[in-house]
Amino acid sequence: MKLLAVTACPTGIAHTYMAAEALEVAAEEAGHEIVVETQGSAGSTPFTPEQLAEADAIILAADVEVRDKDRFAHLPTVTSGVKKAIGGADGLIEQAVAAAEAAPRGSTAPALAVEQSGPGTASGLMAGSASSASKVRGWLMTGVSYVIPFVAAGGLLIALGFAIGGYQITDAPSVTTGFDWGSSTSWAALMFQLGSLAFGLLVPVLAGFIAYAIADRPALVPGFVGGLVAVETGAGFLGGLVAGLLAGGLIFWMKRWRAPRALAGIMPVLVLPLVGTAVVGTIMFVVVGGPLAAATTGLTSWLNGLSGSNAILLGALLGLMMAFDMGGPVNKAAYAFAVAGLSTQSQTALLIMAAVMAAGMTPPLALALASTVRKKLFTEAERENGRAAWLLGASFITEGAIPFAAGDPLRVIPSIMVGSAITGSLSMAFGSTLRAPHGGIFVVPLIGNPFGYLVAILAGTVVSAALVIALKSVGRRTQAGTVAGSAPAPRAAATV
């Protein structure tokens, strides 16, 4: 069989490429050819017309909207969440082969096999087998995936502005009134004001691409405008979420209308954006903008009021969430909460972002340390993964811990959760702040209280590594005792 696959995750950094590699390995082992298009943060190389024409089936392993999916309308399709491709690639290959055999090339009705574990495309999300929660999560993650580069660029520019010009740079005049090429203050003001402009796009981009995930391109304009109204009314991030869902749902419903033939050609470029923008804008301005603004103000006040033990407990909770599924839904929920807070620019939101990134860096670093200190407790493949995990952890790619957790979840997952909870709580206690949503060790010079931040990461890393080593050592002694006893059954002797 000649198979195609598309992989895409919300951040487009780790899961996207891990899923691609897993599918390639599984296809090769099964004796099939596969070409994978990774729609990651670095862009993608689309399939050639020849590849599309020769393919027998396609796998869409994505947690966000797959771009240009109309290209695959002629192919039998298997859809799944990206994590399913990492842990169950062989099963997806089998399903794709079965779908191709059931609907060979040239058939006008390709088979559709939808995985229950969270399809990511709009068409997959509309399939009846997916739960409502999976649909909504997929839409929201699509919006968040497009927001992250704006947050990264804006946050780093703002941080550079503060690093060069100090916190008084917020009062600097606009660079349009005059710019001194030799003045550090002018450069600091430029960085800060550019970053602030990028941050101003967060809510419109979020709303626009949530709408896009639901109803494709005709929903972009109503979504963006609804997001702008959310900013104008003070509804903030919550308003962006509501505007995106509202715009996407409205356009999806309108696309099902049977338009007169004379209007069919202009429906997607004129009628749908016009009517959708008018309706969504009116509802956001007149109906929901005020209540959502009040809710946003309340949330901001609550975050700013967190201090002492409450802030430390929140850091611990976020740390537990970041380590629990290492890039899965729970991890992404904590990460999205931190990114959403950045739009408020409150001090507590910056503390939360720092705690989340620190806690997300800890699991790969801990397992890299453990596999270096006690090599005999790990397989050769795990030791190899451990060498890569140093860089993955330093880069804030929590997924670097997945190979270890997949092989020994009962020992690894609790251990890294404890370490990440310690890191998150210590980061909050030390008052470390972060304005960028990503970057890992490479943005430490721009972190508030970087020494405390590094101490928090080091403490959590050491604790997790020690726990993993202790639990694996106990398991090994228990196994040895069982084998030396009266019933050395094959199962008891199996490597855990």
Protein backbone atom coordinates (compact mmCIF):
# COMPACT_ATOMS: atom_id res chain seq x y z
CA MET A 1 0.00 0.00 0.00
CA LYS A 2 1.02 3.60 -0.61
CA LEU A 3 -0.21 5.64 2.34
CA LEU A 4 -0.20 9.32 3.21
CA ALA A 5 -0.43 10.92 6.65
CA VAL A 6 -0.77 14.40 8.11
CA THR A 7 0.30 15.13 11.68
CA ALA A 8 -0.38 18.37 13.56
CA CYS A 9 -0.47 19.33 17.24
CA PRO A 10 -1.39 22.66 18.92
CA THR A 11 2.16 23.92 19.38
CA GLY A 12 3.52 22.24 16.26
CA ILE A 13 6.82 21.44 17.95
CA ALA A 14 7.07 17.98 19.46
CA HIS A 15 3.98 15.79 19.05
CA THR A 16 3.75 16.65 15.35
CA TYR A 17 7.14 15.16 14.56
CA MET A 18 7.01 12.32 17.07
CA ALA A 19 3.74 11.14 15.50
CA ALA A 20 5.27 11.39 12.02
CA GLU A 21 8.25 9.28 13.04
CA ALA A 22 6.04 6.67 14.71
CA LEU A 23 3.86 6.33 11.62
CA GLU A 24 6.90 6.02 9.35
CA VAL A 25 8.39 3.27 11.52
CA ALA A 26 5.08 1.39 11.78
CA ALA A 27 4.47 1.56 8.04
CA GLU A 28 7.96 0.30 7.24
CA GLU A 29 7.59 -2.60 9.67
CA ALA A 30 4.26 -3.53 8.07
CA GLY A 31 5.75 -3.42 4.57
CA HIS A 32 3.96 -0.34 3.30
CA GLU A 33 5.14 2.99 1.90
CA ILE A 34 4.11 6.19 3.67
CA VAL A 35 4.73 9.89 3.16
CA VAL A 36 3.98 12.19 6.09
CA GLU A 37 3.17 15.89 5.84
CA THR A 38 4.01 17.53 9.18
CA GLN A 39 1.97 20.69 9.64
CA GLY A 40 4.15 22.05 12.41
CA SER A 41 5.34 25.45 13.55
CA ALA A 42 8.06 25.43 10.89
CA GLY A 43 5.51 25.07 8.10
CA SER A 44 5.03 22.02 5.91
CA THR A 45 5.92 20.54 2.54
CA PRO A 46 2.61 19.66 0.85
CA PHE A 47 2.09 16.38 -0.95
CA THR A 48 2.83 16.44 -4.65
CA PRO A 49 0.01 15.79 -7.14
CA GLU A 50 1.67 12.47 -7.97
CA GLN A 51 1.66 11.36 -4.32
CA LEU A 52 -1.99 12.29 -3.96
CA ALA A 53 -2.91 10.43 -7.14
CA GLU A 54 -1.01 7.24 -6.25
CA ALA A 55 -2.09 7.04 -2.57
CA ASP A 56 -4.37 4.26 -1.37
CA ALA A 57 -5.46 5.93 1.90
CA ILE A 58 -4.57 8.73 4.29
CA ILE A 59 -4.21 9.06 8.06
CA LEU A 60 -5.04 12.44 9.63
CA ALA A 61 -3.43 12.41 13.09
CA ALA A 62 -4.12 15.89 14.41
CA ASP A 63 -5.45 17.79 17.40
CA VAL A 64 -5.98 20.95 15.35
CA GLU A 65 -7.48 21.85 11.99
CA VAL A 66 -5.75 20.12 9.08
CA ARG A 67 -4.98 22.66 6.39
CA ASP A 68 -6.28 22.18 2.84
CA LYS A 69 -8.00 18.92 3.66
CA ASP A 70 -10.09 19.08 0.47
CA ARG A 71 -7.04 17.56 -1.25
CA PHE A 72 -7.89 14.23 0.39
CA ALA A 73 -11.59 14.05 -0.49
CA HIS A 74 -10.95 11.13 -2.89
CA LEU A 75 -9.06 9.01 -0.34
CA PRO A 76 -10.22 6.58 2.34
CA THR A 77 -9.47 8.39 5.57
CA VAL A 78 -8.54 7.41 9.11
CA THR A 79 -8.59 10.23 11.66
CA SER A 80 -7.24 10.28 15.19
CA GLY A 81 -5.67 12.46 17.81
CA VAL A 82 -1.95 13.02 17.44
CA LYS A 83 -1.17 11.15 20.67
CA LYS A 84 -2.84 8.03 19.28
CA ALA A 85 -0.35 8.10 16.42
CA ILE A 86 2.56 8.21 18.87
CA GLY A 87 1.39 5.30 21.01
CA GLY A 88 -0.66 3.28 18.50
CA ALA A 89 0.79 3.93 15.05
CA ASP A 90 0.63 0.26 14.06
CA GLY A 91 -3.12 0.21 14.71
CA LEU A 92 -3.66 3.30 12.56
CA ILE A 93 -1.66 1.73 9.73
CA GLU A 94 -3.84 -1.38 9.94
CA GLN A 95 -7.00 0.73 9.84
CA ALA A 96 -5.75 2.69 6.85
CA VAL A 97 -4.97 -0.54 4.96
CA ALA A 98 -8.40 -1.94 5.82
CA ALA A 99 -10.06 1.28 4.68
CA ALA A 100 -8.13 1.18 1.41
CA GLU A 101 -9.13 -2.43 0.78
CA ALA A 102 -12.78 -1.63 1.52
CA ALA A 103 -12.76 1.36 -0.85
CA PRO A 104 -10.07 0.93 -3.52
CA ARG A 105 -8.86 3.83 -5.59
CA GLY A 106 -11.46 5.09 -8.03
CA SER A 107 -14.35 4.53 -5.64
CA THR A 108 -16.65 7.50 -5.25
CA ALA A 109 -17.41 6.71 -1.62
CA PRO A 110 -14.18 6.33 0.33
CA ALA A 111 -14.37 4.62 3.68
CA LEU A 112 -14.02 6.75 6.79
CA ALA A 113 -12.55 5.29 9.98
CA VAL A 114 -12.72 7.78 12.82
CA GLU A 115 -10.75 7.11 16.00
CA GLN A 116 -12.57 7.67 19.26
CA SER A 117 -9.52 9.30 20.81
CA GLY A 118 -10.10 12.82 19.61
CA PRO A 119 -10.12 13.66 15.90
CA GLY A 120 -8.60 16.97 15.05
CA THR A 121 -9.98 18.04 11.69
CA ALA A 122 -13.21 19.92 11.21
CA SER A 123 -14.70 17.07 9.21
CA GLY A 124 -13.56 14.58 11.79
CA LEU A 125 -14.85 16.74 14.60
CA MET A 126 -18.29 16.78 12.99
CA ALA A 127 -18.40 13.01 12.80
CA GLY A 128 -20.92 11.45 15.12
CA SER A 129 -18.49 9.12 16.89
CA ALA A 130 -16.53 11.97 18.52
CA SER A 131 -17.74 13.36 21.81
CA SER A 132 -18.81 16.97 22.21
CA ALA A 133 -15.88 17.58 24.54
CA SER A 134 -13.43 16.36 21.88
CA LYS A 135 -15.01 18.64 19.30
CA VAL A 136 -14.77 21.73 21.47
CA ARG A 137 -11.23 20.91 22.61
CA GLY A 138 -10.12 20.51 19.01
CA TRP A 139 -11.60 23.88 18.04
CA LEU A 140 -10.05 25.66 21.02
CA MET A 141 -6.65 24.06 20.48
CA THR A 142 -6.66 25.22 16.87
CA GLY A 143 -7.16 28.79 18.07
CA VAL A 144 -4.47 28.44 20.72
CA SER A 145 -2.01 26.97 18.20
CA TYR A 146 -2.24 30.12 16.06
CA VAL A 147 -2.04 32.41 19.10
CA ILE A 148 1.20 30.96 20.48
CA PRO A 149 3.56 32.58 17.90
CA PHE A 150 1.99 35.99 18.60
CA VAL A 151 2.43 35.48 22.33
CA ALA A 152 6.01 34.30 21.86
CA ALA A 153 7.02 37.21 19.63
CA GLY A 154 5.12 39.82 21.65
CA GLY A 155 6.25 38.50 25.02
CA LEU A 156 9.91 38.35 24.07
CA LEU A 157 9.82 41.83 22.55
CA ILE A 158 8.20 43.23 25.70
CA ALA A 159 10.77 41.41 27.84
CA LEU A 160 13.59 42.85 25.74
CA GLY A 161 12.08 46.31 26.14
CA PHE A 162 12.08 45.94 29.91
CA ALA A 163 15.58 44.43 29.92
CA ILE A 164 17.01 47.37 27.96
CA GLY A 165 14.98 50.27 29.31
CA GLY A 166 13.67 49.16 32.69
CA TYR A 167 10.04 49.06 33.78
CA GLN A 168 9.61 52.80 33.25
CA ILE A 169 9.68 52.09 29.51
CA THR A 170 5.90 51.75 29.69
CA ASP A 171 5.72 55.55 29.99
CA ALA A 172 7.96 56.24 26.98
CA PRO A 173 6.41 58.30 24.15
CA SER A 174 5.43 56.57 20.91
CA VAL A 175 8.35 55.92 18.59
CA THR A 176 6.34 57.55 15.80
CA THR A 177 6.92 60.95 17.43
CA GLY A 178 10.67 60.55 17.24
CA PHE A 179 13.31 57.83 17.25
CA ASP A 180 16.92 58.28 18.26
CA TRP A 181 19.05 55.60 16.58
CA GLY A 182 21.79 55.99 19.16
CA SER A 183 19.54 55.90 22.24
CA SER A 184 18.99 52.66 24.14
CA THR A 185 15.77 54.13 25.51
CA SER A 186 14.40 54.54 21.98
CA TRP A 187 15.28 50.95 21.13
CA ALA A 188 13.70 49.75 24.36
CA ALA A 189 10.55 51.73 23.57
CA LEU A 190 10.49 50.25 20.08
CA MET A 191 10.74 46.70 21.42
CA PHE A 192 8.06 47.31 24.03
CA GLN A 193 5.63 48.97 21.63
CA LEU A 194 6.08 46.30 18.96
CA GLY A 195 5.45 43.61 21.56
CA SER A 196 2.36 45.43 22.80
CA LEU A 197 0.98 45.57 19.25
CA ALA A 198 1.57 41.83 18.85
CA PHE A 199 -0.23 41.21 22.13
CA GLY A 200 -3.14 43.31 20.87
CA LEU A 201 -3.75 40.66 18.20
CA LEU A 202 -4.06 37.73 20.61
CA VAL A 203 -7.80 37.78 21.13
CA PRO A 204 -8.77 38.46 17.47
CA VAL A 205 -6.43 35.69 16.26
CA LEU A 206 -7.80 33.29 18.86
CA ALA A 207 -11.41 34.00 17.87
CA GLY A 208 -10.70 33.96 14.15
CA PHE A 209 -8.99 30.59 14.11
CA ILE A 210 -11.47 28.93 16.46
CA ALA A 211 -14.11 29.96 13.95
CA TYR A 212 -11.89 28.72 11.11
CA ALA A 213 -11.57 25.32 12.77
CA ILE A 214 -15.34 24.98 12.89
CA ALA A 215 -16.45 26.36 9.52
CA ASP A 216 -13.32 27.01 7.42
CA ARG A 217 -12.36 30.27 5.67
CA PRO A 218 -15.79 31.98 5.50
CA ALA A 219 -15.77 32.08 9.33
CA LEU A 220 -12.44 33.93 9.59
CA VAL A 221 -13.80 37.47 9.19
CA PRO A 222 -16.70 37.09 11.68
CA GLY A 223 -14.29 35.45 14.11
CA PHE A 224 -11.62 38.16 13.84
CA VAL A 225 -14.15 40.97 14.10
CA GLY A 226 -15.85 39.27 17.05
CA GLY A 227 -12.44 39.07 18.72
CA LEU A 228 -11.85 42.78 18.09
CA VAL A 229 -15.21 43.55 19.68
CA ALA A 230 -14.19 41.42 22.66
CA VAL A 231 -11.10 43.60 23.06
CA GLU A 232 -13.13 46.77 22.62
CA THR A 233 -15.67 45.78 25.28
CA GLY A 234 -13.04 44.52 27.71
CA ALA A 235 -14.25 40.91 27.43
CA GLY A 236 -10.67 39.79 26.80
CA PHE A 237 -9.70 36.16 26.33
CA LEU A 238 -13.08 34.84 27.47
CA GLY A 239 -14.75 37.08 24.92
CA GLY A 240 -12.44 35.74 22.22
CA LEU A 241 -13.42 32.17 23.04
CA VAL A 242 -17.12 33.00 22.88
CA ALA A 243 -16.77 35.06 19.70
CA GLY A 244 -14.88 32.28 17.94
CA LEU A 245 -17.38 29.59 18.88
CA LEU A 246 -20.29 31.86 18.00
CA ALA A 247 -18.86 32.84 14.60
CA GLY A 248 -17.89 29.28 13.71
CA GLY A 249 -21.25 27.84 14.71
CA LEU A 250 -23.18 30.51 12.83
CA ILE A 251 -21.19 30.13 9.60
CA PHE A 252 -21.30 26.34 9.80
CA TRP A 253 -25.10 26.56 10.04
CA MET A 254 -25.35 29.12 7.22
CA LYS A 255 -23.16 26.98 4.92
CA ARG A 256 -25.89 24.34 4.98
CA TRP A 257 -28.42 26.71 3.42
CA ARG A 258 -29.57 25.94 -0.10
CA ALA A 259 -28.66 29.24 -1.74
CA PRO A 260 -30.19 30.33 -5.06
CA ARG A 261 -27.96 29.54 -7.98
CA ALA A 262 -27.28 33.23 -8.60
CA LEU A 263 -25.88 33.63 -5.06
CA ALA A 264 -24.00 30.32 -4.76
CA GLY A 265 -20.77 31.73 -6.19
CA ILE A 266 -20.60 34.71 -3.84
CA MET A 267 -21.82 32.98 -0.68
CA PRO A 268 -18.34 32.15 0.76
CA VAL A 269 -16.70 35.48 -0.12
CA LEU A 270 -19.52 37.96 0.46
CA VAL A 271 -22.77 36.71 1.97
CA LEU A 272 -21.37 34.49 4.73
CA PRO A 273 -18.67 36.95 5.95
CA LEU A 274 -21.08 39.92 5.73
CA VAL A 275 -24.02 38.35 7.54
CA GLY A 276 -21.77 36.51 9.99
CA THR A 277 -19.82 39.66 10.91
CA ALA A 278 -23.00 41.70 11.39
CA VAL A 279 -24.65 39.07 13.59
CA VAL A 280 -21.59 38.16 15.66
CA GLY A 281 -20.55 41.80 16.10
CA THR A 282 -24.03 42.78 17.23
CA ILE A 283 -24.26 39.95 19.75
CA MET A 284 -20.79 40.67 21.12
CA PHE A 285 -21.40 44.42 21.42
CA VAL A 286 -24.97 44.39 22.73
CA VAL A 287 -25.57 41.08 24.49
CA VAL A 288 -22.52 39.25 25.85
CA GLY A 289 -19.69 41.81 25.80
CA GLY A 290 -20.62 43.44 29.12
CA PRO A 291 -21.14 40.25 31.17
CA LEU A 292 -17.96 38.70 29.78
CA ALA A 293 -16.02 41.87 30.58
CA ALA A 294 -17.25 41.64 34.18
CA ALA A 295 -16.20 37.98 34.32
CA THR A 296 -12.77 38.82 32.90
CA THR A 297 -12.31 41.59 35.46
CA GLY A 298 -13.26 39.20 38.24
CA LEU A 299 -10.82 36.56 37.00
CA THR A 300 -8.02 39.12 36.75
CA SER A 301 -8.74 40.39 40.26
CA TRP A 302 -8.72 36.83 41.59
CA LEU A 303 -5.36 36.11 39.93
CA ASN A 304 -3.86 39.35 41.23
CA GLY A 305 -5.13 38.50 44.71
CA LEU A 306 -3.32 35.18 44.86
CA SER A 307 -0.40 35.30 47.24
CA GLY A 308 1.46 33.23 49.80
CA SER A 309 0.21 29.67 50.20
CA ASN A 310 -2.55 30.09 47.61
CA ALA A 311 -0.04 30.96 44.89
CA ILE A 312 2.24 28.07 45.94
CA LEU A 313 -0.68 25.61 45.83
CA LEU A 314 -1.67 26.89 42.39
CA GLY A 315 1.91 26.36 41.22
CA ALA A 316 1.86 22.81 42.54
CA LEU A 317 -1.47 22.08 40.82
CA LEU A 318 -0.21 23.43 37.51
CA GLY A 319 2.95 21.36 37.90
CA LEU A 320 0.92 18.20 38.44
CA MET A 321 -1.12 18.96 35.31
CA MET A 322 1.95 19.63 33.18
CA ALA A 323 3.51 16.27 34.08
CA PHE A 324 0.38 14.13 34.14
CA ASP A 325 0.13 13.42 30.40
CA MET A 326 3.26 15.20 29.08
CA GLY A 327 1.71 17.24 26.29
CA GLY A 328 -1.75 15.68 26.31
CA PRO A 329 -5.11 17.35 27.06
CA VAL A 330 -4.43 17.97 30.77
CA ASN A 331 -0.99 19.42 30.04
CA LYS A 332 -2.44 21.62 27.28
CA ALA A 333 -5.22 22.83 29.59
CA ALA A 334 -2.64 24.13 32.09
CA TYR A 335 -0.57 25.63 29.29
CA ALA A 336 -3.59 27.33 27.68
CA PHE A 337 -4.55 28.77 31.09
CA ALA A 338 -1.09 30.30 31.41
CA VAL A 339 -1.08 31.68 27.87
CA ALA A 340 -4.55 33.17 28.38
CA GLY A 341 -3.30 34.96 31.48
CA LEU A 342 -0.49 36.61 29.55
CA SER A 343 -3.03 38.78 27.74
CA THR A 344 -3.84 40.47 31.07
CA GLN A 345 -0.13 41.28 31.73
CA SER A 346 -0.82 41.02 35.46
CA GLN A 347 2.02 40.10 37.82
CA THR A 348 0.32 36.86 38.86
CA ALA A 349 -0.19 35.85 35.23
CA LEU A 350 3.55 36.22 34.66
CA LEU A 351 4.23 34.09 37.74
CA ILE A 352 1.86 31.41 36.40
CA MET A 353 3.54 31.34 33.00
CA ALA A 354 6.95 30.89 34.62
CA ALA A 355 5.68 28.09 36.86
CA VAL A 356 4.06 26.27 33.94
CA MET A 357 7.17 26.38 31.76
CA ALA A 358 9.46 25.34 34.62
CA ALA A 359 7.19 22.43 35.52
CA GLY A 360 7.03 21.37 31.88
CA MET A 361 10.82 21.32 31.59
CA THR A 362 11.31 19.10 34.65
CA PRO A 363 10.07 15.64 33.44
CA PRO A 364 12.46 15.21 30.48
CA LEU A 365 15.37 16.62 32.48
CA ALA A 366 14.62 14.28 35.39
CA LEU A 367 14.53 11.20 33.19
CA ALA A 368 17.66 12.29 31.37
CA LEU A 369 19.39 12.58 34.75
CA ALA A 370 18.05 9.27 36.03
CA SER A 371 19.08 7.37 32.89
CA THR A 372 22.56 8.89 33.16
CA VAL A 373 23.10 8.22 36.87
CA ARG A 374 21.68 4.66 36.95
CA LYS A 375 22.09 3.33 33.43
CA LYS A 376 21.46 -0.29 34.39
CA LEU A 377 17.86 0.49 35.31
CA PHE A 378 17.07 1.56 31.75
CA THR A 379 17.11 -0.18 28.39
CA GLU A 380 19.50 0.84 25.64
CA ALA A 381 16.68 2.61 23.81
CA GLU A 382 15.77 4.52 26.99
CA ARG A 383 19.37 5.56 27.52
CA GLU A 384 19.44 6.86 23.96
CA ASN A 385 16.20 8.76 24.59
CA GLY A 386 17.74 10.09 27.79
CA ARG A 387 20.55 11.74 25.88
CA ALA A 388 18.01 13.52 23.67
CA ALA A 389 15.85 14.41 26.69
CA TRP A 390 18.50 16.83 27.99
CA LEU A 391 17.90 19.12 25.04
CA LEU A 392 14.15 18.49 24.91
CA GLY A 393 13.76 19.39 28.57
CA ALA A 394 15.93 22.47 28.26
CA SER A 395 13.77 23.53 25.30
CA PHE A 396 10.48 23.10 27.25
CA ILE A 397 9.37 20.05 25.27
CA THR A 398 7.69 17.93 27.93
CA GLU A 399 7.02 15.18 25.40
CA GLY A 400 10.63 14.10 25.80
CA ALA A 401 9.46 12.09 28.81
CA ILE A 402 6.88 10.07 26.84
CA PRO A 403 9.16 7.15 25.81
CA PHE A 404 10.01 6.52 29.47
CA ALA A 405 6.42 6.83 30.67
CA ALA A 406 5.14 4.53 27.92
CA GLY A 407 7.52 1.78 29.03
CA ASP A 408 6.94 2.08 32.78
CA PRO A 409 3.95 4.35 33.52
CA LEU A 410 3.28 3.25 37.11
CA ARG A 411 6.74 4.29 38.26
CA VAL A 412 7.57 7.15 35.93
CA ILE A 413 4.36 9.21 35.88
CA PRO A 414 3.92 9.58 39.69
CA SER A 415 7.61 10.42 40.01
CA ILE A 416 7.60 13.21 37.44
CA MET A 417 4.31 14.58 38.81
CA VAL A 418 5.88 15.01 42.24
CA GLY A 419 8.94 16.74 40.80
CA SER A 420 6.91 19.07 38.58
CA ALA A 421 4.64 19.99 41.49
CA ILE A 422 7.71 20.94 43.53
CA THR A 423 9.11 22.97 40.63
CA GLY A 424 5.83 24.82 40.06
CA SER A 425 5.36 25.68 43.70
CA LEU A 426 8.98 26.80 44.17
CA SER A 427 8.82 28.95 41.04
CA MET A 428 5.77 30.72 42.46
CA ALA A 429 7.37 31.01 45.90
CA PHE A 430 10.53 32.57 44.44
CA GLY A 431 8.49 35.08 42.46
CA SER A 432 9.94 34.18 39.06
CA THR A 433 8.09 35.76 36.14
CA LEU A 434 7.95 35.08 32.41
CA ARG A 435 6.40 37.05 29.54
CA ALA A 436 7.07 34.50 26.77
CA PRO A 437 5.08 31.26 26.43
CA HIS A 438 8.02 29.17 25.22
CA GLY A 439 11.78 29.06 24.94
CA GLY A 440 12.91 27.03 27.93
CA ILE A 441 16.46 27.64 29.07
CA PHE A 442 17.06 30.00 26.15
CA VAL A 443 14.86 32.75 27.61
CA VAL A 444 16.25 32.56 31.15
CA PRO A 445 18.04 35.94 30.77
CA LEU A 446 14.60 37.50 30.29
CA ILE A 447 13.02 35.80 33.32
CA GLY A 448 12.34 37.67 36.52
CA ASN A 449 14.50 36.16 39.31
CA PRO A 450 16.30 33.69 37.01
CA PHE A 451 18.38 32.24 39.85
CA GLY A 452 15.28 31.18 41.80
CA TYR A 453 13.77 29.84 38.58
CA LEU A 454 16.77 27.60 37.92
CA VAL A 455 16.81 26.43 41.53
CA ALA A 456 13.14 25.42 41.21
CA ILE A 457 13.85 23.41 38.04
CA LEU A 458 16.91 21.78 39.60
CA ALA A 459 15.02 20.80 42.76
CA GLY A 460 12.13 19.23 40.85
CA THR A 461 14.50 17.45 38.48
CA VAL A 462 16.52 15.90 41.30
CA VAL A 463 13.41 14.81 43.22
CA SER A 464 11.82 13.18 40.16
CA ALA A 465 15.05 11.46 39.17
CA ALA A 466 15.54 10.14 42.70
CA LEU A 467 11.98 8.82 42.82
CA VAL A 468 12.28 7.10 39.44
CA ILE A 469 15.55 5.46 40.47
CA ALA A 470 14.15 4.38 43.86
CA LEU A 471 10.95 2.91 42.41
CA LYS A 472 12.77 1.10 39.62
CA SER A 473 15.32 -0.25 42.11
CA VAL A 474 12.58 -1.54 44.42
CA GLY A 475 10.80 -3.12 41.46
CA ARG A 476 14.00 -4.79 40.38
CA ARG A 477 14.67 -6.24 43.87
CA THR A 478 11.08 -7.46 44.12
CA GLN A 479 11.40 -9.08 40.73
CA ALA A 480 14.69 -10.74 41.70
CA GLY A 481 13.15 -12.06 44.92
CA THR A 482 10.24 -13.54 43.03
CA VAL A 483 12.51 -15.23 40.53
CA ALA A 484 14.65 -16.66 43.35
CA GLY A 485 11.57 -18.00 45.12
CA SER A 486 9.53 -21.08 44.50
CA ALA A 487 7.61 -19.94 41.42
CA PRO A 488 9.80 -18.36 38.78
CA ALA A 489 6.93 -17.94 36.32
CA PRO A 490 7.64 -16.25 33.01
CA ARG A 491 5.41 -13.30 33.86
CA ALA A 492 7.20 -12.69 37.15
CA ALA A 493 10.51 -12.65 35.37
CA ALA A 494 9.40 -10.19 32.72
CA THR A 495 11.19 -6.85 32.62
CA VAL A 496 9.02 -4.05 34.00
